[in-house]
Amino acid sequence: MELAYYSDYAVRLVNSEEPARGKDSLTSVEAVREMFGANQSAARRATDADVTRFRSVRARLRSVFEAADQGDETLAVDLLNSLLLEFPVSPQISGHDYRDDDGRPLWHMHLADHPSNATAGFAAIAAMGLAFHLTAYGVDRLGLCEASPCRNAYLDTSTNRSRRYCSDRCATRANVAAYRARKRLEADRSGSTGLAADSAQRTTANGER
């Protein structure tokens, strides 16, 4: 498993809540287990107590994205480092489930967590994955969607650092909104120009009498 994969854990957890819309999908132990994706063995450790724990970690991860979005690199790194210290992992070389043409293991790095509960395990992987992404690509590659009121987190992997939205849907919605705003502005300007022309004509007509 590539280390970059783990960064998606952080995005998945942060985006389980949409504060501006008052939405929160992290309301049950089943929702917590869904956060683990294909890692079912880890998901089975989750209990009702992990709902509150997950929400706490989610708030801290969102703070990392918010600091990065505001250009405060030092704060983003400090917040992430505090998570790494609290939820450590052990990097290990693994070759399970992957074989080359000769039947030999395809060795890759794996993050082994040693959690006291499901939240600790998830937080450790999410924080380490986000740390790898940050150090490999830069703090400015951690973003929050600009399509109001979304503000979902995303990881920018574009070649020219141009990503601004969490999804194609939000990008389309923002572009449509911008297009309509331009059209309204053009209509307002056109209306103002027309009124000015009418006023000038009336002034000229009065002067000729």
C-alpha atoms as a PDB file:
ATOM      1  CA  MET A   1       0.000   0.000   0.000  1.00  0.00           C
ATOM      2  CA  GLU A   2       1.467   3.368  -1.010  1.00  0.00           C
ATOM      3  CA  LEU A   3       1.870   5.897   1.759  1.00  0.00           C
ATOM      4  CA  ALA A   4      -0.034   8.502  -0.275  1.00  0.00           C
ATOM      5  CA  TYR A   5      -3.134   6.363   0.145  1.00  0.00           C
ATOM      6  CA  TYR A   6      -3.238   7.082   3.850  1.00  0.00           C
ATOM      7  CA  SER A   7      -3.757  10.827   3.347  1.00  0.00           C
ATOM      8  CA  ASP A   8      -7.265  10.060   2.103  1.00  0.00           C
ATOM      9  CA  TYR A   9      -8.143   8.952   5.636  1.00  0.00           C
ATOM     10  CA  ALA A  10      -7.808  12.562   6.803  1.00  0.00           C
ATOM     11  CA  VAL A  11      -9.887  13.965   3.938  1.00  0.00           C
ATOM     12  CA  ARG A  12     -12.603  11.366   4.449  1.00  0.00           C
ATOM     13  CA  LEU A  13     -12.928  12.165   8.135  1.00  0.00           C
ATOM     14  CA  VAL A  14     -12.873  15.959   7.743  1.00  0.00           C
ATOM     15  CA  ASN A  15     -15.522  15.826   5.023  1.00  0.00           C
ATOM     16  CA  SER A  16     -17.889  13.787   7.156  1.00  0.00           C
ATOM     17  CA  GLU A  17     -19.064  17.172   8.426  1.00  0.00           C
ATOM     18  CA  GLU A  18     -20.200  20.261   6.505  1.00  0.00           C
ATOM     19  CA  PRO A  19     -20.355  22.998   9.177  1.00  0.00           C
ATOM     20  CA  ALA A  20     -21.738  25.712   6.884  1.00  0.00           C
ATOM     21  CA  ARG A  21     -24.649  23.471   5.910  1.00  0.00           C
ATOM     22  CA  GLY A  22     -25.199  22.085   9.403  1.00  0.00           C
ATOM     23  CA  LYS A  23     -24.609  18.519   8.200  1.00  0.00           C
ATOM     24  CA  ASP A  24     -22.792  15.775  10.096  1.00  0.00           C
ATOM     25  CA  SER A  25     -22.792  12.152   8.924  1.00  0.00           C
ATOM     26  CA  LEU A  26     -20.679  10.950  11.849  1.00  0.00           C
ATOM     27  CA  THR A  27     -23.561  10.137  14.172  1.00  0.00           C
ATOM     28  CA  SER A  28     -23.276   6.400  14.866  1.00  0.00           C
ATOM     29  CA  VAL A  29     -20.787   3.573  15.320  1.00  0.00           C
ATOM     30  CA  GLU A  30     -21.796   2.329  11.863  1.00  0.00           C
ATOM     31  CA  ALA A  31     -20.721   5.675  10.390  1.00  0.00           C
ATOM     32  CA  VAL A  32     -17.403   5.377  12.225  1.00  0.00           C
ATOM     33  CA  ARG A  33     -16.830   1.912  10.776  1.00  0.00           C
ATOM     34  CA  GLU A  34     -17.534   3.213   7.265  1.00  0.00           C
ATOM     35  CA  MET A  35     -14.642   5.653   7.689  1.00  0.00           C
ATOM     36  CA  PHE A  36     -12.208   2.727   7.577  1.00  0.00           C
ATOM     37  CA  GLY A  37     -13.235   1.741   4.048  1.00  0.00           C
ATOM     38  CA  ALA A  38     -11.811  -1.655   3.109  1.00  0.00           C
ATOM     39  CA  ASN A  39      -9.943  -2.017   6.416  1.00  0.00           C
ATOM     40  CA  GLN A  40     -12.674  -4.102   8.005  1.00  0.00           C
ATOM     41  CA  SER A  41     -10.508  -5.631  10.726  1.00  0.00           C
ATOM     42  CA  ALA A  42      -9.839  -2.143  12.135  1.00  0.00           C
ATOM     43  CA  ALA A  43     -13.473  -1.113  11.683  1.00  0.00           C
ATOM     44  CA  ARG A  44     -14.670  -3.970  13.870  1.00  0.00           C
ATOM     45  CA  ARG A  45     -12.835  -2.461  16.844  1.00  0.00           C
ATOM     46  CA  ALA A  46     -15.119   0.600  16.794  1.00  0.00           C
ATOM     47  CA  THR A  47     -17.615   1.142  19.603  1.00  0.00           C
ATOM     48  CA  ASP A  48     -20.168   3.834  20.421  1.00  0.00           C
ATOM     49  CA  ALA A  49     -17.495   5.705  22.385  1.00  0.00           C
ATOM     50  CA  ASP A  50     -15.535   6.224  19.167  1.00  0.00           C
ATOM     51  CA  VAL A  51     -18.201   8.539  17.744  1.00  0.00           C
ATOM     52  CA  THR A  52     -17.208  11.324  20.148  1.00  0.00           C
ATOM     53  CA  ARG A  53     -13.501  10.518  19.788  1.00  0.00           C
ATOM     54  CA  PHE A  54     -13.697  10.632  15.988  1.00  0.00           C
ATOM     55  CA  ARG A  55     -15.402  14.004  16.100  1.00  0.00           C
ATOM     56  CA  SER A  56     -12.616  15.383  18.273  1.00  0.00           C
ATOM     57  CA  VAL A  57      -9.912  14.173  15.871  1.00  0.00           C
ATOM     58  CA  ARG A  58     -11.950  15.493  12.932  1.00  0.00           C
ATOM     59  CA  ALA A  59     -11.976  18.996  14.409  1.00  0.00           C
ATOM     60  CA  ARG A  60      -8.200  18.894  14.858  1.00  0.00           C
ATOM     61  CA  LEU A  61      -7.622  17.685  11.310  1.00  0.00           C
ATOM     62  CA  ARG A  62      -9.903  20.401   9.923  1.00  0.00           C
ATOM     63  CA  SER A  63      -7.812  22.946  11.832  1.00  0.00           C
ATOM     64  CA  VAL A  64      -4.756  21.724   9.909  1.00  0.00           C
ATOM     65  CA  PHE A  65      -6.538  22.298   6.591  1.00  0.00           C
ATOM     66  CA  GLU A  66      -7.830  25.697   7.741  1.00  0.00           C
ATOM     67  CA  ALA A  67      -4.343  26.846   8.737  1.00  0.00           C
ATOM     68  CA  ALA A  68      -2.940  25.668   5.397  1.00  0.00           C
ATOM     69  CA  ASP A  69      -5.779  27.367   3.514  1.00  0.00           C
ATOM     70  CA  GLN A  70      -5.003  30.636   5.317  1.00  0.00           C
ATOM     71  CA  GLY A  71      -1.327  30.360   4.413  1.00  0.00           C
ATOM     72  CA  ASP A  72      -0.126  29.755   7.977  1.00  0.00           C
ATOM     73  CA  GLU A  73       2.359  26.953   7.296  1.00  0.00           C
ATOM     74  CA  THR A  74       3.883  26.945  10.766  1.00  0.00           C
ATOM     75  CA  LEU A  75       0.529  26.550  12.480  1.00  0.00           C
ATOM     76  CA  ALA A  76      -0.529  23.771  10.088  1.00  0.00           C
ATOM     77  CA  VAL A  77       2.679  21.863  10.797  1.00  0.00           C
ATOM     78  CA  ASP A  78       2.444  22.415  14.558  1.00  0.00           C
ATOM     79  CA  LEU A  79      -1.141  21.138  14.642  1.00  0.00           C
ATOM     80  CA  LEU A  80      -0.222  18.093  12.597  1.00  0.00           C
ATOM     81  CA  ASN A  81       2.845  17.371  14.705  1.00  0.00           C
ATOM     82  CA  SER A  82       0.688  17.356  17.843  1.00  0.00           C
ATOM     83  CA  LEU A  83      -1.475  14.645  16.264  1.00  0.00           C
ATOM     84  CA  LEU A  84       1.585  12.639  15.234  1.00  0.00           C
ATOM     85  CA  LEU A  85       2.916  12.740  18.792  1.00  0.00           C
ATOM     86  CA  GLU A  86      -0.393  11.700  20.304  1.00  0.00           C
ATOM     87  CA  PHE A  87      -1.137   8.971  17.743  1.00  0.00           C
ATOM     88  CA  PRO A  88       2.148   7.288  16.668  1.00  0.00           C
ATOM     89  CA  VAL A  89       2.572   4.521  14.091  1.00  0.00           C
ATOM     90  CA  SER A  90       5.298   2.057  13.204  1.00  0.00           C
ATOM     91  CA  PRO A  91       6.359   2.019   9.531  1.00  0.00           C
ATOM     92  CA  GLN A  92       6.906  -1.546   8.324  1.00  0.00           C
ATOM     93  CA  ILE A  93       7.861  -3.213   5.053  1.00  0.00           C
ATOM     94  CA  SER A  94       5.037  -5.424   3.842  1.00  0.00           C
ATOM     95  CA  GLY A  95       4.500  -7.767   0.898  1.00  0.00           C
ATOM     96  CA  HIS A  96       1.113  -9.301   1.575  1.00  0.00           C
ATOM     97  CA  ASP A  97      -1.458  -9.675  -1.212  1.00  0.00           C
ATOM     98  CA  TYR A  98       0.898  -8.396  -3.916  1.00  0.00           C
ATOM     99  CA  ARG A  99       3.022 -10.642  -6.154  1.00  0.00           C
ATOM    100  CA  ASP A 100       5.179 -10.005  -9.227  1.00  0.00           C
ATOM    101  CA  ASP A 101       5.371 -12.308 -12.281  1.00  0.00           C
ATOM    102  CA  ASP A 102       7.773 -14.622 -10.460  1.00  0.00           C
ATOM    103  CA  GLY A 103       5.483 -14.964  -7.467  1.00  0.00           C
ATOM    104  CA  ARG A 104       7.688 -12.881  -5.211  1.00  0.00           C
ATOM    105  CA  PRO A 105       6.191 -10.277  -2.848  1.00  0.00           C
ATOM    106  CA  LEU A 106       6.018  -6.722  -4.109  1.00  0.00           C
ATOM    107  CA  TRP A 107       7.472  -4.990  -1.097  1.00  0.00           C
ATOM    108  CA  HIS A 108       5.930  -1.702  -0.016  1.00  0.00           C
ATOM    109  CA  MET A 109       5.704   0.494   3.048  1.00  0.00           C
ATOM    110  CA  HIS A 110       2.867  -0.137   5.449  1.00  0.00           C
ATOM    111  CA  LEU A 111       1.850   1.885   8.507  1.00  0.00           C
ATOM    112  CA  ALA A 112       1.213  -0.436  11.430  1.00  0.00           C
ATOM    113  CA  ASP A 113      -0.789   1.145  14.217  1.00  0.00           C
ATOM    114  CA  HIS A 114      -0.984  -0.140  17.763  1.00  0.00           C
ATOM    115  CA  PRO A 115      -4.162   1.501  18.972  1.00  0.00           C
ATOM    116  CA  SER A 116      -5.885   1.406  22.328  1.00  0.00           C
ATOM    117  CA  ASN A 117      -9.150   2.018  20.449  1.00  0.00           C
ATOM    118  CA  ALA A 118     -10.458   2.425  16.889  1.00  0.00           C
ATOM    119  CA  THR A 119     -10.084   6.224  16.948  1.00  0.00           C
ATOM    120  CA  ALA A 120      -6.416   6.043  17.894  1.00  0.00           C
ATOM    121  CA  GLY A 121      -5.745   3.665  15.016  1.00  0.00           C
ATOM    122  CA  PHE A 122      -7.571   5.801  12.461  1.00  0.00           C
ATOM    123  CA  ALA A 123      -6.049   9.043  13.736  1.00  0.00           C
ATOM    124  CA  ALA A 124      -2.528   7.623  13.576  1.00  0.00           C
ATOM    125  CA  ILE A 125      -2.907   6.595   9.941  1.00  0.00           C
ATOM    126  CA  ALA A 126      -4.713   9.799   8.922  1.00  0.00           C
ATOM    127  CA  ALA A 127      -2.128  12.057  10.547  1.00  0.00           C
ATOM    128  CA  MET A 128       0.846  10.156   9.113  1.00  0.00           C
ATOM    129  CA  GLY A 129      -0.691  10.076   5.639  1.00  0.00           C
ATOM    130  CA  LEU A 130      -1.353  13.804   5.763  1.00  0.00           C
ATOM    131  CA  ALA A 131       2.195  14.417   6.990  1.00  0.00           C
ATOM    132  CA  PHE A 132       3.644  12.487   4.044  1.00  0.00           C
ATOM    133  CA  HIS A 133       1.513  14.497   1.628  1.00  0.00           C
ATOM    134  CA  LEU A 134       2.464  17.803   3.247  1.00  0.00           C
ATOM    135  CA  THR A 135       6.203  17.143   3.222  1.00  0.00           C
ATOM    136  CA  ALA A 136       6.183  15.694  -0.303  1.00  0.00           C
ATOM    137  CA  TYR A 137       4.061  18.348  -2.005  1.00  0.00           C
ATOM    138  CA  GLY A 138       3.924  21.381   0.300  1.00  0.00           C
ATOM    139  CA  VAL A 139       1.491  22.868   2.791  1.00  0.00           C
ATOM    140  CA  ASP A 140      -0.273  24.785   0.024  1.00  0.00           C
ATOM    141  CA  ARG A 141      -1.457  21.451  -1.404  1.00  0.00           C
ATOM    142  CA  LEU A 142      -3.899  21.145   1.512  1.00  0.00           C
ATOM    143  CA  GLY A 143      -7.014  23.066   0.577  1.00  0.00           C
ATOM    144  CA  LEU A 144     -10.605  23.879   1.437  1.00  0.00           C
ATOM    145  CA  CYS A 145     -13.188  24.105  -1.330  1.00  0.00           C
ATOM    146  CA  GLU A 146     -13.836  27.667  -2.521  1.00  0.00           C
ATOM    147  CA  ALA A 147     -17.388  26.873  -3.630  1.00  0.00           C
ATOM    148  CA  SER A 148     -19.402  28.458  -0.817  1.00  0.00           C
ATOM    149  CA  PRO A 149     -20.839  27.097   1.393  1.00  0.00           C
ATOM    150  CA  CYS A 150     -19.016  23.782   0.806  1.00  0.00           C
ATOM    151  CA  ARG A 151     -15.575  24.177   2.412  1.00  0.00           C
ATOM    152  CA  ASN A 152     -14.789  20.471   2.090  1.00  0.00           C
ATOM    153  CA  ALA A 153     -11.139  19.499   2.421  1.00  0.00           C
ATOM    154  CA  TYR A 154      -9.102  18.267  -0.547  1.00  0.00           C
ATOM    155  CA  LEU A 155      -5.520  17.405  -1.461  1.00  0.00           C
ATOM    156  CA  ASP A 156      -4.210  19.200  -4.533  1.00  0.00           C
ATOM    157  CA  THR A 157      -2.262  16.803  -6.756  1.00  0.00           C
ATOM    158  CA  SER A 158      -2.484  18.923  -9.921  1.00  0.00           C
ATOM    159  CA  THR A 159       0.747  19.605 -11.788  1.00  0.00           C
ATOM    160  CA  ASN A 160       0.325  23.389 -11.672  1.00  0.00           C
ATOM    161  CA  ARG A 161      -1.096  23.750  -8.153  1.00  0.00           C
ATOM    162  CA  SER A 162      -4.351  25.048  -9.590  1.00  0.00           C
ATOM    163  CA  ARG A 163      -6.999  23.084  -7.735  1.00  0.00           C
ATOM    164  CA  ARG A 164      -9.557  25.212  -5.896  1.00  0.00           C
ATOM    165  CA  TYR A 165     -12.531  22.906  -5.430  1.00  0.00           C
ATOM    166  CA  CYS A 166     -13.129  19.568  -3.735  1.00  0.00           C
ATOM    167  CA  SER A 167     -15.001  18.049  -6.690  1.00  0.00           C
ATOM    168  CA  ASP A 168     -16.074  18.587 -10.289  1.00  0.00           C
ATOM    169  CA  ARG A 169     -19.577  19.268  -9.017  1.00  0.00           C
ATOM    170  CA  CYS A 170     -18.422  22.179  -6.868  1.00  0.00           C
ATOM    171  CA  ALA A 171     -16.215  23.500  -9.675  1.00  0.00           C
ATOM    172  CA  THR A 172     -19.167  23.489 -12.072  1.00  0.00           C
ATOM    173  CA  ARG A 173     -21.439  25.129  -9.521  1.00  0.00           C
ATOM    174  CA  ALA A 174     -18.880  27.867  -8.831  1.00  0.00           C
ATOM    175  CA  ASN A 175     -18.319  28.499 -12.555  1.00  0.00           C
ATOM    176  CA  VAL A 176     -22.064  28.767 -13.192  1.00  0.00           C
ATOM    177  CA  ALA A 177     -22.442  31.187 -10.276  1.00  0.00           C
ATOM    178  CA  ALA A 178     -19.547  33.304 -11.561  1.00  0.00           C
ATOM    179  CA  TYR A 179     -21.034  33.329 -15.080  1.00  0.00           C
ATOM    180  CA  ARG A 180     -24.428  34.472 -13.783  1.00  0.00           C
ATOM    181  CA  ALA A 181     -22.777  37.162 -11.670  1.00  0.00           C
ATOM    182  CA  ARG A 182     -20.929  38.479 -14.742  1.00  0.00           C
ATOM    183  CA  LYS A 183     -24.160  38.536 -16.733  1.00  0.00           C
ATOM    184  CA  ARG A 184     -25.948  40.466 -13.979  1.00  0.00           C
ATOM    185  CA  LEU A 185     -23.095  42.960 -13.835  1.00  0.00           C
ATOM    186  CA  GLU A 186     -23.183  43.405 -17.618  1.00  0.00           C
ATOM    187  CA  ALA A 187     -26.947  43.909 -17.488  1.00  0.00           C
ATOM    188  CA  ASP A 188     -26.603  46.480 -14.700  1.00  0.00           C
ATOM    189  CA  ARG A 189     -23.927  48.348 -16.645  1.00  0.00           C
ATOM    190  CA  SER A 190     -26.014  48.241 -19.787  1.00  0.00           C
ATOM    191  CA  GLY A 191     -29.009  49.583 -17.884  1.00  0.00           C
ATOM    192  CA  SER A 192     -26.928  52.360 -16.346  1.00  0.00           C
ATOM    193  CA  THR A 193     -25.547  53.313 -19.775  1.00  0.00           C
ATOM    194  CA  GLY A 194     -29.057  53.391 -21.201  1.00  0.00           C
ATOM    195  CA  LEU A 195     -30.334  55.647 -18.417  1.00  0.00           C
ATOM    196  CA  ALA A 196     -27.376  57.976 -18.886  1.00  0.00           C
ATOM    197  CA  ALA A 197     -28.054  58.183 -22.622  1.00  0.00           C
ATOM    198  CA  ASP A 198     -31.747  58.970 -22.045  1.00  0.00           C
ATOM    199  CA  SER A 199     -30.833  61.663 -19.549  1.00  0.00           C
ATOM    200  CA  ALA A 200     -28.375  63.214 -22.012  1.00  0.00           C
ATOM    201  CA  GLN A 201     -31.000  63.229 -24.737  1.00  0.00           C
ATOM    202  CA  ARG A 202     -33.537  64.937 -22.501  1.00  0.00           C
ATOM    203  CA  THR A 203     -30.951  67.535 -21.465  1.00  0.00           C
ATOM    204  CA  THR A 204     -30.135  68.256 -25.115  1.00  0.00           C
ATOM    205  CA  ALA A 205     -33.797  68.493 -26.054  1.00  0.00           C
ATOM    206  CA  ASN A 206     -34.521  70.949 -23.241  1.00  0.00           C
ATOM    207  CA  GLY A 207     -31.581  73.081 -24.284  1.00  0.00           C
ATOM    208  CA  GLU A 208     -32.825  73.322 -27.857  1.00  0.00           C
ATOM    209  CA  ARG A 209     -36.219  74.704 -26.851  1.00  0.00           C
END
